[in-house]
Structure formats: structure tokens, C-alpha cells
Amino acid sequence: MNKKLYAVKNDEGKIVLTKKQAEIVENARIIDIPATYISESANLAVSGEEDLLMKAYVNGYIVEKDKKFKYECQDVFSHEAIATFNTYDEADNFLDVVYSKPGWWTIPVMEIMEVTDDD
């Protein structure tokens, strides 16, 4: 079963592509037959991707922003933040240290939150 792909446009009306899709469009610009390159490179399991890439080639596009996350270790009972980290590995290392402490009687939980530009 094919997934249906819908064109996402930003406020300026530009199509928003993933980094992988943008790479296909940019590579098509240096190929003698760009439409063939896009057709051969599009993910056939995603219905509409070929059309989306063609429109992006002709009309322009922007690349979607990488999602950013923060990792907050919280007290399991009060849910108060004990520590906040920018990477999963930092938070995981913190939890490993906490778990190894003999006097630690509550296990903190990690909440993963997406960070927006407003945060």
C-alpha cells in the first residue's frame, strides 16, 4: 500500500522538502535530463513524491528545519525537573550515574520534548 504525500508549503508558498528530497532536486539541476533523474530517484512507495519533486524543481523549495529536542530528567513523584540536557546521551549518562548510587530510592524518568523556536 502506497503512502500519500501531500505538499507542505511555508508562508511564502515554497514547497518544504526533507534534506534527502532537496538533495534529489539539487542533483537534478546538474543532470542533462532532470525529469528522468527525479523520476528514477523518487521513492515509489510514497505516492505523489515524484510530482512533489518536479514542482519543487520548477517553483523552488525550502528544506525543513531539523527538529530539536531537550531531555528532562524528572522526579518520578513530583515530576519536578532534576536536570535538563540537550542530547539523549547526556541524559542517559546522568541516569546511569543516578541508578548506580546506593542511596537513590526513586528512579527519575526522562521526558523528551520537542523544542520550538519560541523555547
PDB file of N, CA and C in Angstrom:
ATOM      1  N   MET A   1       0.843  -1.174   0.000  1.00  0.00           N
ATOM      2  CA  MET A   1       0.000   0.000   0.000  1.00  0.00           C
ATOM      3  C   MET A   1       0.891   1.242   0.000  1.00  0.00           C
ATOM      4  N   ASN A   2       0.650   2.138  -0.907  1.00  0.00           N
ATOM      5  CA  ASN A   2       1.433   3.364  -1.002  1.00  0.00           C
ATOM      6  C   ASN A   2       0.924   4.403  -0.021  1.00  0.00           C
ATOM      7  N   LYS A   3       1.876   5.145   0.554  1.00  0.00           N
ATOM      8  CA  LYS A   3       1.512   6.282   1.388  1.00  0.00           C
ATOM      9  C   LYS A   3       1.286   7.475   0.474  1.00  0.00           C
ATOM     10  N   LYS A   4       0.359   8.320   0.828  1.00  0.00           N
ATOM     11  CA  LYS A   4       0.072   9.521   0.043  1.00  0.00           C
ATOM     12  C   LYS A   4       0.877  10.675   0.616  1.00  0.00           C
ATOM     13  N   LEU A   5       1.573  11.386  -0.238  1.00  0.00           N
ATOM     14  CA  LEU A   5       2.380  12.521   0.174  1.00  0.00           C
ATOM     15  C   LEU A   5       1.671  13.800  -0.208  1.00  0.00           C
ATOM     16  N   TYR A   6       1.544  14.690   0.731  1.00  0.00           N
ATOM     17  CA  TYR A   6       0.924  15.985   0.477  1.00  0.00           C
ATOM     18  C   TYR A   6       1.991  17.060   0.511  1.00  0.00           C
ATOM     19  N   ALA A   7       1.887  18.015  -0.387  1.00  0.00           N
ATOM     20  CA  ALA A   7       2.855  19.112  -0.431  1.00  0.00           C
ATOM     21  C   ALA A   7       2.599  20.049   0.738  1.00  0.00           C
ATOM     22  N   VAL A   8       3.636  20.273   1.501  1.00  0.00           N
ATOM     23  CA  VAL A   8       3.571  21.233   2.598  1.00  0.00           C
ATOM     24  C   VAL A   8       4.229  22.506   2.096  1.00  0.00           C
ATOM     25  N   LYS A   9       3.550  23.627   2.275  1.00  0.00           N
ATOM     26  CA  LYS A   9       4.105  24.898   1.828  1.00  0.00           C
ATOM     27  C   LYS A   9       4.292  25.805   3.028  1.00  0.00           C
ATOM     28  N   ASN A  10       5.348  26.612   2.967  1.00  0.00           N
ATOM     29  CA  ASN A  10       5.572  27.575   4.041  1.00  0.00           C
ATOM     30  C   ASN A  10       4.797  28.849   3.747  1.00  0.00           C
ATOM     31  N   ASP A  11       5.017  29.876   4.559  1.00  0.00           N
ATOM     32  CA  ASP A  11       4.265  31.127   4.419  1.00  0.00           C
ATOM     33  C   ASP A  11       4.492  31.815   3.076  1.00  0.00           C
ATOM     34  N   GLU A  12       5.659  31.594   2.461  1.00  0.00           N
ATOM     35  CA  GLU A  12       5.946  32.227   1.168  1.00  0.00           C
ATOM     36  C   GLU A  12       5.462  31.386  -0.007  1.00  0.00           C
ATOM     37  N   GLY A  13       4.802  30.275   0.262  1.00  0.00           N
ATOM     38  CA  GLY A  13       4.293  29.426  -0.804  1.00  0.00           C
ATOM     39  C   GLY A  13       5.312  28.450  -1.370  1.00  0.00           C
ATOM     40  N   LYS A  14       6.485  28.360  -0.747  1.00  0.00           N
ATOM     41  CA  LYS A  14       7.511  27.416  -1.216  1.00  0.00           C
ATOM     42  C   LYS A  14       7.212  26.032  -0.651  1.00  0.00           C
ATOM     43  N   ILE A  15       7.505  25.021  -1.445  1.00  0.00           N
ATOM     44  CA  ILE A  15       7.329  23.644  -1.007  1.00  0.00           C
ATOM     45  C   ILE A  15       8.427  23.320   0.003  1.00  0.00           C
ATOM     46  N   VAL A  16       8.068  22.611   1.063  1.00  0.00           N
ATOM     47  CA  VAL A  16       9.011  22.226   2.104  1.00  0.00           C
ATOM     48  C   VAL A  16       9.434  20.777   1.851  1.00  0.00           C
ATOM     49  N   LEU A  17      10.741  20.583   1.659  1.00  0.00           N
ATOM     50  CA  LEU A  17      11.282  19.249   1.377  1.00  0.00           C
ATOM     51  C   LEU A  17      12.160  18.773   2.529  1.00  0.00           C
ATOM     52  N   THR A  18      12.307  17.453   2.627  1.00  0.00           N
ATOM     53  CA  THR A  18      13.293  16.891   3.541  1.00  0.00           C
ATOM     54  C   THR A  18      14.677  17.107   2.933  1.00  0.00           C
ATOM     55  N   LYS A  19      15.709  16.892   3.720  1.00  0.00           N
ATOM     56  CA  LYS A  19      17.077  17.043   3.196  1.00  0.00           C
ATOM     57  C   LYS A  19      17.323  16.075   2.043  1.00  0.00           C
ATOM     58  N   LYS A  20      16.817  14.861   2.177  1.00  0.00           N
ATOM     59  CA  LYS A  20      17.005  13.854   1.124  1.00  0.00           C
ATOM     60  C   LYS A  20      16.305  14.279  -0.171  1.00  0.00           C
ATOM     61  N   GLN A  21      15.082  14.795  -0.051  1.00  0.00           N
ATOM     62  CA  GLN A  21      14.349  15.251  -1.232  1.00  0.00           C
ATOM     63  C   GLN A  21      15.050  16.451  -1.876  1.00  0.00           C
ATOM     64  N   ALA A  22      15.549  17.373  -1.066  1.00  0.00           N
ATOM     65  CA  ALA A  22      16.253  18.546  -1.587  1.00  0.00           C
ATOM     66  C   ALA A  22      17.519  18.129  -2.331  1.00  0.00           C
ATOM     67  N   GLU A  23      18.176  17.105  -1.834  1.00  0.00           N
ATOM     68  CA  GLU A  23      19.385  16.592  -2.500  1.00  0.00           C
ATOM     69  C   GLU A  23      19.040  16.060  -3.893  1.00  0.00           C
ATOM     70  N   ILE A  24      17.921  15.389  -4.012  1.00  0.00           N
ATOM     71  CA  ILE A  24      17.479  14.884  -5.323  1.00  0.00           C
ATOM     72  C   ILE A  24      17.248  16.044  -6.283  1.00  0.00           C
ATOM     73  N   VAL A  25      16.556  17.089  -5.813  1.00  0.00           N
ATOM     74  CA  VAL A  25      16.262  18.235  -6.667  1.00  0.00           C
ATOM     75  C   VAL A  25      17.559  18.943  -7.070  1.00  0.00           C
ATOM     76  N   GLU A  26      18.476  19.112  -6.138  1.00  0.00           N
ATOM     77  CA  GLU A  26      19.745  19.782  -6.459  1.00  0.00           C
ATOM     78  C   GLU A  26      20.576  18.956  -7.431  1.00  0.00           C
ATOM     79  N   ASN A  27      20.606  17.653  -7.256  1.00  0.00           N
ATOM     80  CA  ASN A  27      21.328  16.790  -8.203  1.00  0.00           C
ATOM     81  C   ASN A  27      20.695  16.844  -9.587  1.00  0.00           C
ATOM     82  N   ALA A  28      19.380  16.979  -9.646  1.00  0.00           N
ATOM     83  CA  ALA A  28      18.680  17.066 -10.938  1.00  0.00           C
ATOM     84  C   ALA A  28      19.101  18.315 -11.702  1.00  0.00           C
ATOM     85  N   ARG A  29      19.487  19.360 -10.995  1.00  0.00           N
ATOM     86  CA  ARG A  29      19.894  20.612 -11.648  1.00  0.00           C
ATOM     87  C   ARG A  29      21.197  20.476 -12.442  1.00  0.00           C
ATOM     88  N   ILE A  30      22.013  19.484 -12.106  1.00  0.00           N
ATOM     89  CA  ILE A  30      23.296  19.317 -12.805  1.00  0.00           C
ATOM     90  C   ILE A  30      23.275  18.143 -13.789  1.00  0.00           C
ATOM     91  N   ILE A  31      22.121  17.546 -13.975  1.00  0.00           N
ATOM     92  CA  ILE A  31      21.954  16.409 -14.884  1.00  0.00           C
ATOM     93  C   ILE A  31      21.351  16.913 -16.195  1.00  0.00           C
ATOM     94  N   ASP A  32      21.735  16.268 -17.307  1.00  0.00           N
ATOM     95  CA  ASP A  32      21.220  16.664 -18.620  1.00  0.00           C
ATOM     96  C   ASP A  32      19.708  16.485 -18.742  1.00  0.00           C
ATOM     97  N   ILE A  33      19.175  15.456 -18.110  1.00  0.00           N
ATOM     98  CA  ILE A  33      17.735  15.187 -18.188  1.00  0.00           C
ATOM     99  C   ILE A  33      17.185  15.145 -16.757  1.00  0.00           C
ATOM    100  N   PRO A  34      16.886  16.327 -16.192  1.00  0.00           N
ATOM    101  CA  PRO A  34      16.487  16.372 -14.777  1.00  0.00           C
ATOM    102  C   PRO A  34      15.204  15.622 -14.462  1.00  0.00           C
ATOM    103  N   ALA A  35      14.222  15.639 -15.357  1.00  0.00           N
ATOM    104  CA  ALA A  35      12.958  14.961 -15.080  1.00  0.00           C
ATOM    105  C   ALA A  35      13.168  13.451 -14.934  1.00  0.00           C
ATOM    106  N   THR A  36      14.030  12.888 -15.777  1.00  0.00           N
ATOM    107  CA  THR A  36      14.325  11.453 -15.684  1.00  0.00           C
ATOM    108  C   THR A  36      15.023  11.139 -14.364  1.00  0.00           C
ATOM    109  N   TYR A  37      15.967  11.999 -13.985  1.00  0.00           N
ATOM    110  CA  TYR A  37      16.678  11.791 -12.721  1.00  0.00           C
ATOM    111  C   TYR A  37      15.700  11.821 -11.538  1.00  0.00           C
ATOM    112  N   ILE A  38      14.797  12.803 -11.531  1.00  0.00           N
ATOM    113  CA  ILE A  38      13.821  12.895 -10.446  1.00  0.00           C
ATOM    114  C   ILE A  38      12.910  11.675 -10.436  1.00  0.00           C
ATOM    115  N   SER A  39      12.453  11.252 -11.609  1.00  0.00           N
ATOM    116  CA  SER A  39      11.575  10.074 -11.694  1.00  0.00           C
ATOM    117  C   SER A  39      12.254   8.826 -11.167  1.00  0.00           C
ATOM    118  N   GLU A  40      13.528   8.665 -11.494  1.00  0.00           N
ATOM    119  CA  GLU A  40      14.261   7.478 -11.058  1.00  0.00           C
ATOM    120  C   GLU A  40      14.639   7.547  -9.578  1.00  0.00           C
ATOM    121  N   SER A  41      14.763   8.750  -9.042  1.00  0.00           N
ATOM    122  CA  SER A  41      15.200   8.916  -7.653  1.00  0.00           C
ATOM    123  C   SER A  41      14.056   8.991  -6.653  1.00  0.00           C
ATOM    124  N   ALA A  42      12.852   9.284  -7.113  1.00  0.00           N
ATOM    125  CA  ALA A  42      11.705   9.427  -6.211  1.00  0.00           C
ATOM    126  C   ALA A  42      11.380   8.093  -5.558  1.00  0.00           C
ATOM    127  N   ASN A  43      10.907   8.162  -4.339  1.00  0.00           N
ATOM    128  CA  ASN A  43      10.512   6.975  -3.593  1.00  0.00           C
ATOM    129  C   ASN A  43       9.161   6.495  -4.123  1.00  0.00           C
ATOM    130  N   LEU A  44       9.154   5.367  -4.793  1.00  0.00           N
ATOM    131  CA  LEU A  44       7.930   4.862  -5.406  1.00  0.00           C
ATOM    132  C   LEU A  44       6.901   4.394  -4.383  1.00  0.00           C
ATOM    133  N   ALA A  45       7.345   4.144  -3.148  1.00  0.00           N
ATOM    134  CA  ALA A  45       6.413   3.715  -2.105  1.00  0.00           C
ATOM    135  C   ALA A  45       5.591   4.890  -1.574  1.00  0.00           C
ATOM    136  N   VAL A  46       6.019   6.103  -1.898  1.00  0.00           N
ATOM    137  CA  VAL A  46       5.302   7.290  -1.438  1.00  0.00           C
ATOM    138  C   VAL A  46       4.601   7.910  -2.642  1.00  0.00           C
ATOM    139  N   SER A  47       3.301   7.776  -2.678  1.00  0.00           N
ATOM    140  CA  SER A  47       2.516   8.292  -3.784  1.00  0.00           C
ATOM    141  C   SER A  47       2.595   9.809  -3.824  1.00  0.00           C
ATOM    142  N   GLY A  48       2.953  10.343  -4.958  1.00  0.00           N
ATOM    143  CA  GLY A  48       2.998  11.791  -5.116  1.00  0.00           C
ATOM    144  C   GLY A  48       4.364  12.410  -4.931  1.00  0.00           C
ATOM    145  N   GLU A  49       5.364  11.632  -4.518  1.00  0.00           N
ATOM    146  CA  GLU A  49       6.679  12.234  -4.293  1.00  0.00           C
ATOM    147  C   GLU A  49       7.302  12.723  -5.597  1.00  0.00           C
ATOM    148  N   GLU A  50       7.154  11.973  -6.666  1.00  0.00           N
ATOM    149  CA  GLU A  50       7.718  12.397  -7.947  1.00  0.00           C
ATOM    150  C   GLU A  50       7.131  13.748  -8.358  1.00  0.00           C
ATOM    151  N   ASP A  51       5.831  13.891  -8.254  1.00  0.00           N
ATOM    152  CA  ASP A  51       5.167  15.141  -8.599  1.00  0.00           C
ATOM    153  C   ASP A  51       5.641  16.280  -7.692  1.00  0.00           C
ATOM    154  N   LEU A  52       5.763  16.001  -6.421  1.00  0.00           N
ATOM    155  CA  LEU A  52       6.232  16.990  -5.453  1.00  0.00           C
ATOM    156  C   LEU A  52       7.635  17.482  -5.819  1.00  0.00           C
ATOM    157  N   LEU A  53       8.527  16.561  -6.154  1.00  0.00           N
ATOM    158  CA  LEU A  53       9.905  16.933  -6.504  1.00  0.00           C
ATOM    159  C   LEU A  53       9.959  17.720  -7.805  1.00  0.00           C
ATOM    160  N   MET A  54       9.115  17.358  -8.760  1.00  0.00           N
ATOM    161  CA  MET A  54       9.054  18.109 -10.017  1.00  0.00           C
ATOM    162  C   MET A  54       8.603  19.551  -9.759  1.00  0.00           C
ATOM    163  N   LYS A  55       7.573  19.704  -8.943  1.00  0.00           N
ATOM    164  CA  LYS A  55       7.084  21.048  -8.616  1.00  0.00           C
ATOM    165  C   LYS A  55       8.147  21.847  -7.865  1.00  0.00           C
ATOM    166  N   ALA A  56       8.862  21.197  -6.981  1.00  0.00           N
ATOM    167  CA  ALA A  56       9.924  21.881  -6.241  1.00  0.00           C
ATOM    168  C   ALA A  56      11.045  22.310  -7.184  1.00  0.00           C
ATOM    169  N   TYR A  57      11.352  21.477  -8.165  1.00  0.00           N
ATOM    170  CA  TYR A  57      12.382  21.803  -9.156  1.00  0.00           C
ATOM    171  C   TYR A  57      11.993  23.061  -9.936  1.00  0.00           C
ATOM    172  N   VAL A  58      10.745  23.136 -10.333  1.00  0.00           N
ATOM    173  CA  VAL A  58      10.269  24.238 -11.164  1.00  0.00           C
ATOM    174  C   VAL A  58       9.995  25.502 -10.337  1.00  0.00           C
ATOM    175  N   ASN A  59       9.321  25.357  -9.211  1.00  0.00           N
ATOM    176  CA  ASN A  59       8.822  26.507  -8.454  1.00  0.00           C
ATOM    177  C   ASN A  59       9.688  26.923  -7.272  1.00  0.00           C
ATOM    178  N   GLY A  60      10.665  26.125  -6.931  1.00  0.00           N
ATOM    179  CA  GLY A  60      11.503  26.429  -5.780  1.00  0.00           C
ATOM    180  C   GLY A  60      11.020  25.709  -4.527  1.00  0.00           C
ATOM    181  N   TYR A  61      11.872  25.675  -3.527  1.00  0.00           N
ATOM    182  CA  TYR A  61      11.568  24.943  -2.302  1.00  0.00           C
ATOM    183  C   TYR A  61      12.439  25.468  -1.169  1.00  0.00           C
ATOM    184  N   ILE A  62      12.119  25.039   0.029  1.00  0.00           N
ATOM    185  CA  ILE A  62      12.995  25.236   1.177  1.00  0.00           C
ATOM    186  C   ILE A  62      13.155  23.880   1.854  1.00  0.00           C
ATOM    187  N   VAL A  63      14.208  23.740   2.633  1.00  0.00           N
ATOM    188  CA  VAL A  63      14.467  22.488   3.341  1.00  0.00           C
ATOM    189  C   VAL A  63      13.895  22.614   4.748  1.00  0.00           C
ATOM    190  N   GLU A  64      13.170  21.581   5.171  1.00  0.00           N
ATOM    191  CA  GLU A  64      12.580  21.619   6.510  1.00  0.00           C
ATOM    192  C   GLU A  64      13.673  21.723   7.564  1.00  0.00           C
ATOM    193  N   LYS A  65      13.352  22.378   8.648  1.00  0.00           N
ATOM    194  CA  LYS A  65      14.297  22.529   9.748  1.00  0.00           C
ATOM    195  C   LYS A  65      14.396  21.228  10.518  1.00  0.00           C
ATOM    196  N   ASP A  66      15.608  20.959  11.014  1.00  0.00           N
ATOM    197  CA  ASP A  66      15.787  19.796  11.868  1.00  0.00           C
ATOM    198  C   ASP A  66      15.020  20.003  13.161  1.00  0.00           C
ATOM    199  N   LYS A  67      14.389  18.955  13.618  1.00  0.00           N
ATOM    200  CA  LYS A  67      13.700  19.039  14.899  1.00  0.00           C
ATOM    201  C   LYS A  67      14.739  18.981  16.008  1.00  0.00           C
ATOM    202  N   LYS A  68      14.510  19.797  17.025  1.00  0.00           N
ATOM    203  CA  LYS A  68      15.404  19.812  18.172  1.00  0.00           C
ATOM    204  C   LYS A  68      14.628  19.350  19.390  1.00  0.00           C
ATOM    205  N   PHE A  69      15.327  18.673  20.282  1.00  0.00           N
ATOM    206  CA  PHE A  69      14.695  18.131  21.469  1.00  0.00           C
ATOM    207  C   PHE A  69      15.494  18.511  22.702  1.00  0.00           C
ATOM    208  N   LYS A  70      14.813  18.537  23.846  1.00  0.00           N
ATOM    209  CA  LYS A  70      15.517  18.621  25.114  1.00  0.00           C
ATOM    210  C   LYS A  70      15.080  17.422  25.932  1.00  0.00           C
ATOM    211  N   TYR A  71      15.960  16.976  26.768  1.00  0.00           N
ATOM    212  CA  TYR A  71      15.750  15.766  27.536  1.00  0.00           C
ATOM    213  C   TYR A  71      15.764  16.145  29.010  1.00  0.00           C
ATOM    214  N   GLU A  72      14.618  15.991  29.644  1.00  0.00           N
ATOM    215  CA  GLU A  72      14.486  16.425  31.025  1.00  0.00           C
ATOM    216  C   GLU A  72      14.322  15.209  31.922  1.00  0.00           C
ATOM    217  N   CYS A  73      15.190  15.101  32.914  1.00  0.00           N
ATOM    218  CA  CYS A  73      15.089  14.027  33.899  1.00  0.00           C
ATOM    219  C   CYS A  73      14.272  14.570  35.066  1.00  0.00           C
ATOM    220  N   GLN A  74      13.201  13.857  35.415  1.00  0.00           N
ATOM    221  CA  GLN A  74      12.251  14.346  36.413  1.00  0.00           C
ATOM    222  C   GLN A  74      12.140  13.379  37.578  1.00  0.00           C
ATOM    223  N   ASP A  75      11.822  13.949  38.734  1.00  0.00           N
ATOM    224  CA  ASP A  75      11.496  13.141  39.894  1.00  0.00           C
ATOM    225  C   ASP A  75      10.208  12.381  39.580  1.00  0.00           C
ATOM    226  N   VAL A  76      10.196  11.103  39.881  1.00  0.00           N
ATOM    227  CA  VAL A  76       9.076  10.252  39.494  1.00  0.00           C
ATOM    228  C   VAL A  76       7.778  10.619  40.243  1.00  0.00           C
ATOM    229  N   PHE A  77       7.892  11.205  41.431  1.00  0.00           N
ATOM    230  CA  PHE A  77       6.692  11.525  42.208  1.00  0.00           C
ATOM    231  C   PHE A  77       6.223  12.960  41.976  1.00  0.00           C
ATOM    232  N   SER A  78       7.133  13.911  42.060  1.00  0.00           N
ATOM    233  CA  SER A  78       6.730  15.318  41.941  1.00  0.00           C
ATOM    234  C   SER A  78       6.755  15.817  40.500  1.00  0.00           C
ATOM    235  N   HIS A  79       7.440  15.094  39.637  1.00  0.00           N
ATOM    236  CA  HIS A  79       7.628  15.472  38.234  1.00  0.00           C
ATOM    237  C   HIS A  79       8.410  16.781  38.086  1.00  0.00           C
ATOM    238  N   GLU A  80       9.111  17.178  39.141  1.00  0.00           N
ATOM    239  CA  GLU A  80       9.970  18.345  39.044  1.00  0.00           C
ATOM    240  C   GLU A  80      11.235  17.962  38.295  1.00  0.00           C
ATOM    241  N   ALA A  81      11.736  18.910  37.508  1.00  0.00           N
ATOM    242  CA  ALA A  81      12.955  18.650  36.742  1.00  0.00           C
ATOM    243  C   ALA A  81      14.149  18.539  37.686  1.00  0.00           C
ATOM    244  N   ILE A  82      14.896  17.464  37.542  1.00  0.00           N
ATOM    245  CA  ILE A  82      16.138  17.285  38.290  1.00  0.00           C
ATOM    246  C   ILE A  82      17.291  17.843  37.466  1.00  0.00           C
ATOM    247  N   ALA A  83      17.251  17.569  36.167  1.00  0.00           N
ATOM    248  CA  ALA A  83      18.303  18.031  35.260  1.00  0.00           C
ATOM    249  C   ALA A  83      17.749  18.046  33.838  1.00  0.00           C
ATOM    250  N   THR A  84      18.270  18.952  33.014  1.00  0.00           N
ATOM    251  CA  THR A  84      17.852  19.068  31.619  1.00  0.00           C
ATOM    252  C   THR A  84      19.094  19.000  30.734  1.00  0.00           C
ATOM    253  N   PHE A  85      18.988  18.265  29.639  1.00  0.00           N
ATOM    254  CA  PHE A  85      20.122  18.052  28.734  1.00  0.00           C
ATOM    255  C   PHE A  85      19.709  18.309  27.294  1.00  0.00           C
ATOM    256  N   ASN A  86      20.694  18.620  26.456  1.00  0.00           N
ATOM    257  CA  ASN A  86      20.443  18.872  25.037  1.00  0.00           C
ATOM    258  C   ASN A  86      20.555  17.616  24.181  1.00  0.00           C
ATOM    259  N   THR A  87      21.181  16.569  24.707  1.00  0.00           N
ATOM    260  CA  THR A  87      21.311  15.332  23.933  1.00  0.00           C
ATOM    261  C   THR A  87      20.820  14.149  24.755  1.00  0.00           C
ATOM    262  N   TYR A  88      20.375  13.139  24.052  1.00  0.00           N
ATOM    263  CA  TYR A  88      19.909  11.919  24.716  1.00  0.00           C
ATOM    264  C   TYR A  88      21.049  11.265  25.480  1.00  0.00           C
ATOM    265  N   ASP A  89      22.252  11.228  24.876  1.00  0.00           N
ATOM    266  CA  ASP A  89      23.394  10.568  25.521  1.00  0.00           C
ATOM    267  C   ASP A  89      23.735  11.205  26.862  1.00  0.00           C
ATOM    268  N   GLU A  90      23.691  12.544  26.932  1.00  0.00           N
ATOM    269  CA  GLU A  90      23.980  13.224  28.200  1.00  0.00           C
ATOM    270  C   GLU A  90      22.959  12.819  29.263  1.00  0.00           C
ATOM    271  N   ALA A  91      21.688  12.816  28.891  1.00  0.00           N
ATOM    272  CA  ALA A  91      20.631  12.440  29.835  1.00  0.00           C
ATOM    273  C   ALA A  91      20.767  10.983  30.252  1.00  0.00           C
ATOM    274  N   ASP A  92      21.074  10.112  29.308  1.00  0.00           N
ATOM    275  CA  ASP A  92      21.227   8.692  29.596  1.00  0.00           C
ATOM    276  C   ASP A  92      22.406   8.458  30.537  1.00  0.00           C
ATOM    277  N   ASN A  93      23.512   9.155  30.307  1.00  0.00           N
ATOM    278  CA  ASN A  93      24.679   9.027  31.197  1.00  0.00           C
ATOM    279  C   ASN A  93      24.327   9.487  32.613  1.00  0.00           C
ATOM    280  N   PHE A  94      23.581  10.583  32.725  1.00  0.00           N
ATOM    281  CA  PHE A  94      23.143  11.074  34.026  1.00  0.00           C
ATOM    282  C   PHE A  94      22.312  10.007  34.745  1.00  0.00           C
ATOM    283  N   LEU A  95      21.377   9.412  34.022  1.00  0.00           N
ATOM    284  CA  LEU A  95      20.525   8.389  34.633  1.00  0.00           C
ATOM    285  C   LEU A  95      21.342   7.171  35.051  1.00  0.00           C
ATOM    286  N   ASP A  96      22.350   6.796  34.255  1.00  0.00           N
ATOM    287  CA  ASP A  96      23.217   5.668  34.620  1.00  0.00           C
ATOM    288  C   ASP A  96      23.922   5.937  35.944  1.00  0.00           C
ATOM    289  N   VAL A  97      24.412   7.170  36.125  1.00  0.00           N
ATOM    290  CA  VAL A  97      25.088   7.536  37.367  1.00  0.00           C
ATOM    291  C   VAL A  97      24.104   7.489  38.530  1.00  0.00           C
ATOM    292  N   VAL A  98      22.918   8.035  38.320  1.00  0.00           N
ATOM    293  CA  VAL A  98      21.901   8.048  39.379  1.00  0.00           C
ATOM    294  C   VAL A  98      21.517   6.629  39.772  1.00  0.00           C
ATOM    295  N   TYR A  99      21.325   5.762  38.783  1.00  0.00           N
ATOM    296  CA  TYR A  99      20.923   4.388  39.065  1.00  0.00           C
ATOM    297  C   TYR A  99      21.994   3.639  39.861  1.00  0.00           C
ATOM    298  N   SER A 100      23.267   4.033  39.693  1.00  0.00           N
ATOM    299  CA  SER A 100      24.359   3.324  40.364  1.00  0.00           C
ATOM    300  C   SER A 100      24.537   3.767  41.819  1.00  0.00           C
ATOM    301  N   LYS A 101      23.894   4.833  42.234  1.00  0.00           N
ATOM    302  CA  LYS A 101      24.006   5.333  43.612  1.00  0.00           C
ATOM    303  C   LYS A 101      23.192   4.440  44.547  1.00  0.00           C
ATOM    304  N   PRO A 102      23.820   3.930  45.612  1.00  0.00           N
ATOM    305  CA  PRO A 102      23.085   3.019  46.510  1.00  0.00           C
ATOM    306  C   PRO A 102      21.964   3.692  47.284  1.00  0.00           C
ATOM    307  N   GLY A 103      22.058   4.972  47.572  1.00  0.00           N
ATOM    308  CA  GLY A 103      21.039   5.631  48.363  1.00  0.00           C
ATOM    309  C   GLY A 103      19.892   6.209  47.556  1.00  0.00           C
ATOM    310  N   TRP A 104      19.939   6.043  46.259  1.00  0.00           N
ATOM    311  CA  TRP A 104      18.894   6.623  45.412  1.00  0.00           C
ATOM    312  C   TRP A 104      17.683   5.705  45.437  1.00  0.00           C
ATOM    313  N   TRP A 105      16.588   6.163  46.026  1.00  0.00           N
ATOM    314  CA  TRP A 105      15.446   5.280  46.215  1.00  0.00           C
ATOM    315  C   TRP A 105      14.315   5.519  45.223  1.00  0.00           C
ATOM    316  N   THR A 106      14.374   6.616  44.465  1.00  0.00           N
ATOM    317  CA  THR A 106      13.391   6.798  43.393  1.00  0.00           C
ATOM    318  C   THR A 106      14.129   6.867  42.070  1.00  0.00           C
ATOM    319  N   ILE A 107      13.558   6.308  41.083  1.00  0.00           N
ATOM    320  CA  ILE A 107      14.187   6.308  39.759  1.00  0.00           C
ATOM    321  C   ILE A 107      13.621   7.481  38.968  1.00  0.00           C
ATOM    322  N   PRO A 108      14.505   8.395  38.515  1.00  0.00           N
ATOM    323  CA  PRO A 108      13.989   9.507  37.708  1.00  0.00           C
ATOM    324  C   PRO A 108      13.480   9.011  36.356  1.00  0.00           C
ATOM    325  N   VAL A 109      12.555   9.743  35.807  1.00  0.00           N
ATOM    326  CA  VAL A 109      12.059   9.437  34.473  1.00  0.00           C
ATOM    327  C   VAL A 109      12.571  10.499  33.513  1.00  0.00           C
ATOM    328  N   MET A 110      12.711  10.121  32.258  1.00  0.00           N
ATOM    329  CA  MET A 110      13.181  11.066  31.251  1.00  0.00           C
ATOM    330  C   MET A 110      12.008  11.442  30.362  1.00  0.00           C
ATOM    331  N   GLU A 111      11.792  12.731  30.215  1.00  0.00           N
ATOM    332  CA  GLU A 111      10.769  13.224  29.295  1.00  0.00           C
ATOM    333  C   GLU A 111      11.487  13.884  28.127  1.00  0.00           C
ATOM    334  N   ILE A 112      11.098  13.511  26.929  1.00  0.00           N
ATOM    335  CA  ILE A 112      11.697  14.073  25.721  1.00  0.00           C
ATOM    336  C   ILE A 112      10.702  15.057  25.130  1.00  0.00           C
ATOM    337  N   MET A 113      11.145  16.305  24.961  1.00  0.00           N
ATOM    338  CA  MET A 113      10.263  17.356  24.469  1.00  0.00           C
ATOM    339  C   MET A 113      10.861  18.020  23.241  1.00  0.00           C
ATOM    340  N   GLU A 114      10.032  18.237  22.239  1.00  0.00           N
ATOM    341  CA  GLU A 114      10.490  18.945  21.047  1.00  0.00           C
ATOM    342  C   GLU A 114      10.611  20.424  21.379  1.00  0.00           C
ATOM    343  N   VAL A 115      11.716  21.014  20.951  1.00  0.00           N
ATOM    344  CA  VAL A 115      11.977  22.419  21.201  1.00  0.00           C
ATOM    345  C   VAL A 115      11.582  23.218  19.964  1.00  0.00           C
ATOM    346  N   THR A 116      10.790  24.245  20.159  1.00  0.00           N
ATOM    347  CA  THR A 116      10.413  25.122  19.055  1.00  0.00           C
ATOM    348  C   THR A 116      11.294  26.361  19.105  1.00  0.00           C
ATOM    349  N   ASP A 117      11.188  27.212  18.109  1.00  0.00           N
ATOM    350  CA  ASP A 117      11.967  28.437  18.082  1.00  0.00           C
ATOM    351  C   ASP A 117      11.621  29.354  19.243  1.00  0.00           C
ATOM    352  N   ASP A 118      10.422  29.176  19.800  1.00  0.00           N
ATOM    353  CA  ASP A 118       9.984  30.021  20.904  1.00  0.00           C
ATOM    354  C   ASP A 118      10.658  29.655  22.213  1.00  0.00           C
ATOM    355  N   ASP A 119      11.146  28.391  22.323  1.00  0.00           N
ATOM    356  CA  ASP A 119      11.732  27.916  23.591  1.00  0.00           C
ATOM    357  C   ASP A 119      13.140  28.432  23.789  1.00  0.00           C
TER     358      ASP A 119
END
